[in-house]
Protein backbone atom coordinates (compact mmCIF):
# COMPACT_ATOMS: atom_id res chain seq x y z
CA MET A 1 25.03 69.03 31.46
CA ASN A 2 25.24 68.08 27.79
CA GLU A 3 25.65 64.64 26.21
CA GLU A 4 29.42 65.02 25.96
CA ASP A 5 29.73 65.77 29.66
CA GLU A 6 27.52 62.82 30.54
CA ALA A 7 29.56 60.49 28.34
CA PHE A 8 32.79 61.73 29.90
CA ASN A 9 31.40 61.22 33.41
CA GLU A 10 30.31 57.68 32.49
CA ILE A 11 33.79 56.85 31.19
CA GLU A 12 35.34 58.21 34.40
CA ARG A 13 32.90 56.18 36.51
CA GLN A 14 33.72 52.97 34.62
CA ALA A 15 37.46 53.61 34.88
CA LYS A 16 37.13 54.11 38.63
CA GLN A 17 35.20 50.84 38.97
CA ARG A 18 37.89 48.94 37.01
CA LYS A 19 40.64 50.49 39.12
CA GLU A 20 38.85 49.50 42.34
CA ALA A 21 38.36 45.95 41.02
CA VAL A 22 42.07 45.64 40.24
CA ARG A 23 43.01 46.93 43.70
CA ALA A 24 40.62 44.45 45.33
CA THR A 25 42.11 41.61 43.31
CA ILE A 26 45.64 42.60 44.27
CA ALA A 27 44.72 42.99 47.93
CA THR A 28 43.16 39.52 48.11
CA ASN A 29 45.99 37.71 46.32
CA PRO A 30 47.46 35.36 48.94
CA TYR A 31 50.78 35.10 47.10
CA ARG A 32 51.38 38.83 46.65
CA ASP A 33 53.40 39.43 49.82
CA LEU A 34 55.34 36.20 49.38
CA VAL A 35 56.36 37.18 45.85
CA ILE A 36 57.31 40.70 46.92
CA GLU A 37 59.45 39.30 49.74
CA GLU A 38 61.16 36.88 47.34
CA VAL A 39 61.94 39.67 44.85
CA LEU A 40 63.28 41.91 47.61
CA GLN A 41 65.48 39.12 48.92
CA ARG A 42 66.88 38.40 45.44
CA ILE A 43 67.65 42.09 44.86
CA LYS A 44 69.38 42.33 48.23
CA GLU A 45 71.43 39.24 47.36
CA LEU A 46 72.42 40.71 43.98
CA ARG A 47 73.36 44.12 45.36
CA PRO A 48 76.92 43.22 46.51
CA ALA A 49 77.64 41.63 43.14
CA VAL A 50 76.93 44.85 41.25
CA MET A 51 78.95 47.20 43.45
CA PRO A 52 82.06 46.84 41.21
CA LEU A 53 79.95 48.17 38.35
CA GLU A 54 79.37 51.52 40.05
CA SER A 55 82.18 53.23 38.14
CA MET A 56 80.55 52.39 34.81
CA GLY A 57 78.10 54.79 33.22
CA ARG A 58 76.78 58.06 34.51
CA GLY A 59 74.34 59.03 37.17
CA LYS A 60 73.44 56.55 39.87
CA ALA A 61 75.35 53.34 40.27
CA THR A 62 73.55 50.04 39.80
CA HIS A 63 73.54 49.29 43.52
CA GLU A 64 71.96 52.69 44.16
CA TRP A 65 69.16 51.82 41.74
CA PHE A 66 68.69 48.51 43.58
CA ASP A 67 68.44 50.43 46.85
CA ILE A 68 65.83 52.75 45.35
CA LEU A 69 63.88 49.81 43.93
CA VAL A 70 63.91 47.94 47.23
CA LYS A 71 62.80 51.04 49.13
CA ASP A 72 59.96 51.71 46.67
CA ILE A 73 58.74 48.10 46.82
CA GLU A 74 58.87 48.08 50.61
CA GLU A 75 56.86 51.30 50.74
CA MET A 76 54.28 49.86 48.34
CA LYS A 77 53.82 46.89 50.63
CA LYS A 78 52.70 49.08 53.51
């Protein structure tokens, strides 16, 4: 292994350590789940208000994007 390979491996090792530290911080945050629940509740409350906007624009309607966002957030929580 040459110097370049060693330097690359060291950078990868440090990046992995930082990523693990961030995950540990997120996992131990006592407010994380409360905040996620609050955001999900607000999105669910807003969803009926945006249904009339579904005919505007192309692609997915706004309420469909809310549904996708809620589903993704709920899956992240698991």
